[in-house]
Amino acid sequence: MTDPKYRPFLINKDVDGNVRLTVRTTRYNSQGYPLVTAELQQELFKTNAAARAFAQENFNARQGEYAAK
């Protein structure tokens, strides 16, 4: 399980009702301040489970690394 503050995969619904996956990358500056970059994936999913399966296959995601909005 990962630290609950670090959830690199965001799963949410868009205005059309499709489930979307956003991959977030966190890096830190010299003062230790987190800088987060988010990249919305082009794929559209019908369910949260499908988005999780895609993240597991393509980004080696593990349980506990997902956030939902």
N, C-alpha and C. Protein backbone atom coordinates (compact mmCIF):
# COMPACT_ATOMS: atom_id res chain seq x y z
N MET A 1 0.84 -1.17 0.00
CA MET A 1 0.00 0.00 0.00
C MET A 1 0.89 1.24 0.00
N THR A 2 0.46 2.27 -0.67
CA THR A 2 1.25 3.49 -0.75
C THR A 2 0.75 4.50 0.26
N ASP A 3 1.53 5.55 0.42
CA ASP A 3 1.16 6.66 1.29
C ASP A 3 -0.14 7.27 0.78
N PRO A 4 -1.14 7.50 1.64
CA PRO A 4 -2.41 8.03 1.16
C PRO A 4 -2.32 9.40 0.52
N LYS A 5 -1.25 10.16 0.79
CA LYS A 5 -1.09 11.46 0.16
C LYS A 5 -0.65 11.34 -1.29
N TYR A 6 -0.04 10.20 -1.63
CA TYR A 6 0.51 10.01 -2.97
C TYR A 6 -0.43 9.10 -3.76
N ARG A 7 -1.26 9.66 -4.57
CA ARG A 7 -2.18 8.90 -5.42
C ARG A 7 -1.98 9.39 -6.86
N PRO A 8 -1.12 8.72 -7.62
CA PRO A 8 -0.76 9.23 -8.94
C PRO A 8 -1.83 9.05 -10.02
N PHE A 9 -2.89 8.32 -9.72
CA PHE A 9 -3.91 8.08 -10.73
C PHE A 9 -5.25 8.64 -10.27
N LEU A 10 -5.78 9.58 -11.02
CA LEU A 10 -7.07 10.19 -10.71
C LEU A 10 -8.10 9.69 -11.70
N ILE A 11 -9.20 9.16 -11.19
CA ILE A 11 -10.29 8.66 -12.02
C ILE A 11 -11.50 9.54 -11.75
N ASN A 12 -12.06 10.13 -12.83
CA ASN A 12 -13.26 10.95 -12.68
C ASN A 12 -14.10 10.89 -13.93
N LYS A 13 -15.32 11.41 -13.84
CA LYS A 13 -16.23 11.42 -14.99
C LYS A 13 -16.21 12.79 -15.64
N ASP A 14 -16.28 12.79 -16.97
CA ASP A 14 -16.36 14.05 -17.69
C ASP A 14 -17.82 14.46 -17.86
N VAL A 15 -18.07 15.56 -18.53
CA VAL A 15 -19.44 16.08 -18.67
C VAL A 15 -20.32 15.16 -19.51
N ASP A 16 -19.73 14.33 -20.36
CA ASP A 16 -20.50 13.41 -21.19
C ASP A 16 -20.79 12.09 -20.49
N GLY A 17 -20.28 11.91 -19.28
CA GLY A 17 -20.52 10.68 -18.53
C GLY A 17 -19.47 9.61 -18.72
N ASN A 18 -18.42 9.90 -19.47
CA ASN A 18 -17.33 8.94 -19.66
C ASN A 18 -16.38 9.01 -18.48
N VAL A 19 -15.78 7.88 -18.17
CA VAL A 19 -14.78 7.82 -17.10
C VAL A 19 -13.43 8.13 -17.73
N ARG A 20 -12.67 9.03 -17.10
CA ARG A 20 -11.37 9.44 -17.62
C ARG A 20 -10.29 9.16 -16.59
N LEU A 21 -9.08 8.94 -17.07
CA LEU A 21 -7.94 8.65 -16.22
C LEU A 21 -6.90 9.77 -16.39
N THR A 22 -6.45 10.32 -15.27
CA THR A 22 -5.40 11.32 -15.27
C THR A 22 -4.20 10.76 -14.52
N VAL A 23 -3.03 10.84 -15.14
CA VAL A 23 -1.80 10.36 -14.51
C VAL A 23 -1.07 11.58 -13.97
N ARG A 24 -0.79 11.56 -12.67
CA ARG A 24 -0.12 12.69 -12.02
C ARG A 24 1.31 12.30 -11.62
N THR A 25 2.23 13.20 -11.89
CA THR A 25 3.63 13.01 -11.54
C THR A 25 4.00 14.08 -10.52
N THR A 26 4.61 13.66 -9.42
CA THR A 26 5.02 14.60 -8.38
C THR A 26 6.54 14.63 -8.29
N ARG A 27 7.08 15.83 -8.32
CA ARG A 27 8.51 16.02 -8.08
C ARG A 27 8.63 17.17 -7.09
N TYR A 28 9.79 17.34 -6.52
CA TYR A 28 9.97 18.32 -5.45
C TYR A 28 11.06 19.31 -5.82
N ASN A 29 10.86 20.60 -5.47
CA ASN A 29 11.88 21.60 -5.72
C ASN A 29 12.92 21.58 -4.61
N SER A 30 13.86 22.50 -4.64
CA SER A 30 14.96 22.48 -3.68
C SER A 30 14.52 22.74 -2.24
N GLN A 31 13.35 23.36 -2.04
CA GLN A 31 12.85 23.58 -0.69
C GLN A 31 11.92 22.46 -0.23
N GLY A 32 11.75 21.44 -1.05
CA GLY A 32 10.89 20.32 -0.69
C GLY A 32 9.43 20.54 -1.02
N TYR A 33 9.10 21.57 -1.78
CA TYR A 33 7.73 21.85 -2.15
C TYR A 33 7.33 20.95 -3.32
N PRO A 34 6.19 20.26 -3.23
CA PRO A 34 5.79 19.36 -4.32
C PRO A 34 5.28 20.12 -5.55
N LEU A 35 5.72 19.67 -6.71
CA LEU A 35 5.27 20.19 -7.99
C LEU A 35 4.58 19.05 -8.71
N VAL A 36 3.29 19.20 -8.97
CA VAL A 36 2.49 18.12 -9.55
C VAL A 36 2.15 18.45 -10.99
N THR A 37 2.42 17.50 -11.88
CA THR A 37 2.06 17.61 -13.29
C THR A 37 1.00 16.55 -13.58
N ALA A 38 -0.11 16.96 -14.18
CA ALA A 38 -1.21 16.04 -14.48
C ALA A 38 -1.37 15.91 -15.99
N GLU A 39 -1.51 14.67 -16.46
CA GLU A 39 -1.69 14.41 -17.89
C GLU A 39 -2.94 13.56 -18.08
N LEU A 40 -3.96 14.15 -18.71
CA LEU A 40 -5.20 13.44 -18.99
C LEU A 40 -4.98 12.47 -20.14
N GLN A 41 -5.35 11.21 -19.93
CA GLN A 41 -5.19 10.20 -20.97
C GLN A 41 -6.32 10.33 -22.00
N GLN A 42 -6.04 10.00 -23.24
CA GLN A 42 -7.01 10.16 -24.33
C GLN A 42 -8.12 9.11 -24.32
N GLU A 43 -7.88 7.98 -23.67
CA GLU A 43 -8.84 6.89 -23.68
C GLU A 43 -10.09 7.26 -22.87
N LEU A 44 -11.24 6.76 -23.33
CA LEU A 44 -12.51 6.91 -22.62
C LEU A 44 -12.92 5.54 -22.11
N PHE A 45 -13.43 5.49 -20.88
CA PHE A 45 -13.81 4.22 -20.28
C PHE A 45 -15.27 4.29 -19.85
N LYS A 46 -15.91 3.14 -19.82
CA LYS A 46 -17.31 3.08 -19.39
C LYS A 46 -17.44 2.91 -17.89
N THR A 47 -16.43 2.29 -17.25
CA THR A 47 -16.50 2.04 -15.81
C THR A 47 -15.17 2.39 -15.15
N ASN A 48 -15.22 2.57 -13.83
CA ASN A 48 -14.00 2.80 -13.06
C ASN A 48 -13.08 1.59 -13.14
N ALA A 49 -13.66 0.40 -13.14
CA ALA A 49 -12.86 -0.82 -13.20
C ALA A 49 -12.06 -0.89 -14.50
N ALA A 50 -12.64 -0.45 -15.59
CA ALA A 50 -11.93 -0.45 -16.87
C ALA A 50 -10.76 0.54 -16.84
N ALA A 51 -10.96 1.69 -16.21
CA ALA A 51 -9.88 2.68 -16.09
C ALA A 51 -8.75 2.13 -15.21
N ARG A 52 -9.11 1.45 -14.13
CA ARG A 52 -8.09 0.85 -13.25
C ARG A 52 -7.31 -0.24 -13.99
N ALA A 53 -8.01 -1.06 -14.76
CA ALA A 53 -7.34 -2.12 -15.51
C ALA A 53 -6.36 -1.52 -16.53
N PHE A 54 -6.76 -0.43 -17.18
CA PHE A 54 -5.87 0.25 -18.13
C PHE A 54 -4.63 0.78 -17.42
N ALA A 55 -4.80 1.38 -16.24
CA ALA A 55 -3.67 1.91 -15.48
C ALA A 55 -2.74 0.78 -15.03
N GLN A 56 -3.30 -0.36 -14.66
CA GLN A 56 -2.48 -1.49 -14.24
C GLN A 56 -1.66 -2.04 -15.40
N GLU A 57 -2.27 -2.14 -16.57
CA GLU A 57 -1.58 -2.68 -17.73
C GLU A 57 -0.51 -1.74 -18.28
N ASN A 58 -0.81 -0.45 -18.33
CA ASN A 58 0.07 0.50 -19.01
C ASN A 58 1.03 1.26 -18.09
N PHE A 59 0.67 1.40 -16.82
CA PHE A 59 1.49 2.18 -15.91
C PHE A 59 1.91 1.41 -14.66
N ASN A 60 1.66 0.11 -14.64
CA ASN A 60 1.99 -0.73 -13.48
C ASN A 60 1.40 -0.20 -12.18
N ALA A 61 0.17 0.26 -12.25
CA ALA A 61 -0.51 0.79 -11.06
C ALA A 61 -0.82 -0.34 -10.10
N ARG A 62 -0.81 0.01 -8.81
CA ARG A 62 -1.12 -0.96 -7.78
C ARG A 62 -2.32 -0.50 -6.97
N GLN A 63 -2.87 -1.41 -6.21
CA GLN A 63 -4.01 -1.09 -5.37
C GLN A 63 -3.62 0.02 -4.40
N GLY A 64 -4.51 0.99 -4.20
CA GLY A 64 -4.26 2.08 -3.29
C GLY A 64 -3.63 3.30 -3.93
N GLU A 65 -3.34 3.25 -5.22
CA GLU A 65 -2.75 4.39 -5.91
C GLU A 65 -3.77 5.21 -6.70
N TYR A 66 -5.05 5.00 -6.42
CA TYR A 66 -6.11 5.67 -7.17
C TYR A 66 -6.82 6.69 -6.29
N ALA A 67 -7.20 7.78 -6.89
CA ALA A 67 -8.07 8.76 -6.24
C ALA A 67 -9.27 8.94 -7.17
N ALA A 68 -10.43 9.19 -6.59
CA ALA A 68 -11.64 9.38 -7.39
C ALA A 68 -12.19 10.77 -7.10
N LYS A 69 -12.79 11.35 -8.10
CA LYS A 69 -13.36 12.68 -7.93
C LYS A 69 -14.79 12.66 -8.39
